[in-house]
Amino acid sequence: MNTSILLILLVPIVEIYLFIKIGSQIGAFNTISLILITAVIGLYYAKYEGLNTLRSAVSQLVKNELPIYEIISGAALAFAAFLMILPGFLTDFIGLLIIFPWTRKLLFKKFKKKKLIKTLLKVNTKI
């Protein structure tokens, strides 16, 4: 089965399961409040990290260097902010993992081993 179709089916099922489990433990109002609070805090932190990435990219450009890491990091932060907007605990957790710089670097290292980032680096250095 295609990975994207599997994700489209599994993510809502896991989210509904988590809503039911957590809602039965802490109550419906607290569950909804927790989802809203994590979304607001996550989006604020994504904005903060996005501005830090932008500052770093500008400093790379001033040094006349190509800000490859900052470009990829900015795209990852945009995806993390999107995940934070979606209601649910799983998407908030994944979004928070992407937002934090040290976990984002670990994720980039994993993709670097798969040569995805190396391919992007080759394309951008030829420009």
Protein backbone atom coordinates (compact mmCIF):
# COMPACT_ATOMS: atom_id res chain seq x y z
CA MET A 1 0.00 0.00 0.00
CA ASN A 2 1.22 3.49 -0.78
CA THR A 3 2.76 5.26 2.22
CA SER A 4 0.82 8.48 1.73
CA ILE A 5 -2.53 6.65 1.57
CA LEU A 6 -1.58 4.72 4.69
CA LEU A 7 -0.75 7.97 6.50
CA ILE A 8 -3.99 9.60 5.37
CA LEU A 9 -5.90 6.69 6.89
CA LEU A 10 -3.83 6.11 10.02
CA VAL A 11 -3.34 9.66 11.31
CA PRO A 12 -7.07 10.42 11.82
CA ILE A 13 -7.63 7.00 13.39
CA VAL A 14 -4.79 7.56 15.87
CA GLU A 15 -6.01 11.11 16.58
CA ILE A 16 -9.56 9.92 17.30
CA TYR A 17 -8.20 7.16 19.54
CA LEU A 18 -6.10 9.70 21.46
CA PHE A 19 -9.05 12.10 21.75
CA ILE A 20 -11.18 9.35 23.27
CA LYS A 21 -8.46 8.05 25.63
CA ILE A 22 -7.29 11.44 26.86
CA GLY A 23 -10.83 12.84 26.95
CA SER A 24 -12.00 9.98 29.15
CA GLN A 25 -9.14 10.67 31.57
CA ILE A 26 -9.22 14.47 31.84
CA GLY A 27 -12.65 15.39 30.46
CA ALA A 28 -13.89 16.90 27.23
CA PHE A 29 -13.39 20.57 28.15
CA ASN A 30 -9.83 19.98 29.36
CA THR A 31 -9.04 17.98 26.23
CA ILE A 32 -10.24 20.79 23.96
CA SER A 33 -8.40 23.35 26.07
CA LEU A 34 -5.20 21.32 25.90
CA ILE A 35 -5.43 21.09 22.11
CA LEU A 36 -5.94 24.85 21.80
CA ILE A 37 -3.14 25.65 24.24
CA THR A 38 -0.63 23.39 22.48
CA ALA A 39 -1.59 24.94 19.15
CA VAL A 40 -1.10 28.50 20.38
CA ILE A 41 2.19 27.76 22.17
CA GLY A 42 3.47 25.74 19.23
CA LEU A 43 2.62 28.44 16.70
CA TYR A 44 4.25 31.11 18.84
CA TYR A 45 7.42 29.04 19.16
CA ALA A 46 7.36 28.26 15.43
CA LYS A 47 7.23 32.00 14.75
CA TYR A 48 10.16 32.56 17.12
CA GLU A 49 12.26 29.81 15.52
CA GLY A 50 11.29 31.02 12.05
CA LEU A 51 12.61 34.50 12.84
CA ASN A 52 15.84 32.99 14.20
CA THR A 53 16.20 30.98 10.98
CA LEU A 54 15.60 34.12 8.93
CA ARG A 55 18.28 36.00 10.89
CA SER A 56 20.70 33.15 10.35
CA ALA A 57 19.92 33.09 6.61
CA VAL A 58 20.56 36.82 6.32
CA SER A 59 23.89 36.46 8.11
CA GLN A 60 24.84 33.63 5.72
CA LEU A 61 23.95 35.83 2.75
CA VAL A 62 26.01 38.71 4.18
CA LYS A 63 28.99 36.32 4.36
CA ASN A 64 28.26 35.51 0.69
CA GLU A 65 27.37 31.90 1.53
CA LEU A 66 24.36 29.93 0.38
CA PRO A 67 21.95 29.38 3.33
CA ILE A 68 21.03 25.77 2.50
CA TYR A 69 20.37 24.67 6.08
CA GLU A 70 18.26 27.75 6.73
CA ILE A 71 16.14 27.18 3.62
CA ILE A 72 15.45 23.57 4.57
CA SER A 73 14.88 24.57 8.19
CA GLY A 74 12.39 27.25 7.13
CA ALA A 75 10.42 24.74 5.10
CA ALA A 76 10.43 22.32 8.03
CA LEU A 77 9.18 25.08 10.35
CA ALA A 78 6.35 25.91 7.96
CA PHE A 79 5.35 22.23 7.93
CA ALA A 80 5.57 22.11 11.74
CA ALA A 81 3.32 25.17 12.03
CA PHE A 82 0.81 23.46 9.71
CA LEU A 83 0.88 20.37 11.93
CA MET A 84 0.33 22.54 15.00
CA ILE A 85 -2.77 24.10 13.43
CA LEU A 86 -4.34 20.68 12.82
CA PRO A 87 -6.30 19.56 15.87
CA GLY A 88 -4.86 16.52 17.55
CA PHE A 89 -2.21 15.26 19.90
CA LEU A 90 -0.17 13.23 17.43
CA THR A 91 0.17 16.09 14.94
CA ASP A 92 1.03 18.51 17.76
CA PHE A 93 3.71 16.13 19.04
CA ILE A 94 5.27 15.71 15.58
CA GLY A 95 5.06 19.47 15.00
CA LEU A 96 6.83 20.16 18.29
CA LEU A 97 9.55 17.69 17.41
CA ILE A 98 10.18 19.54 14.16
CA ILE A 99 10.10 22.98 15.81
CA PHE A 100 12.86 22.32 18.34
CA PRO A 101 16.26 22.96 16.71
CA TRP A 102 18.09 19.95 18.17
CA THR A 103 15.42 17.45 17.08
CA ARG A 104 15.21 19.14 13.69
CA LYS A 105 18.95 18.61 13.25
CA LEU A 106 18.55 14.94 14.15
CA LEU A 107 15.81 14.61 11.53
CA PHE A 108 18.00 16.33 8.95
CA LYS A 109 20.83 13.93 9.69
CA LYS A 110 18.49 11.01 9.09
CA PHE A 111 17.39 12.45 5.75
CA LYS A 112 20.97 13.32 4.90
CA LYS A 113 21.83 9.65 5.14
CA LYS A 114 19.09 8.99 2.61
CA LYS A 115 20.84 11.46 0.30
CA LEU A 116 17.80 13.73 -0.01
CA ILE A 117 19.59 16.74 1.40
CA LYS A 118 22.80 15.87 -0.48
CA THR A 119 20.84 16.03 -3.72
CA LEU A 120 19.45 19.44 -2.74
CA LEU A 121 22.94 20.65 -1.90
CA LYS A 122 24.28 19.55 -5.29
CA VAL A 123 21.47 21.29 -7.15
CA ASN A 124 21.87 24.54 -5.20
CA THR A 125 25.65 24.71 -5.47
CA LYS A 126 25.49 24.48 -9.27
CA ILE A 127 23.37 27.61 -9.49
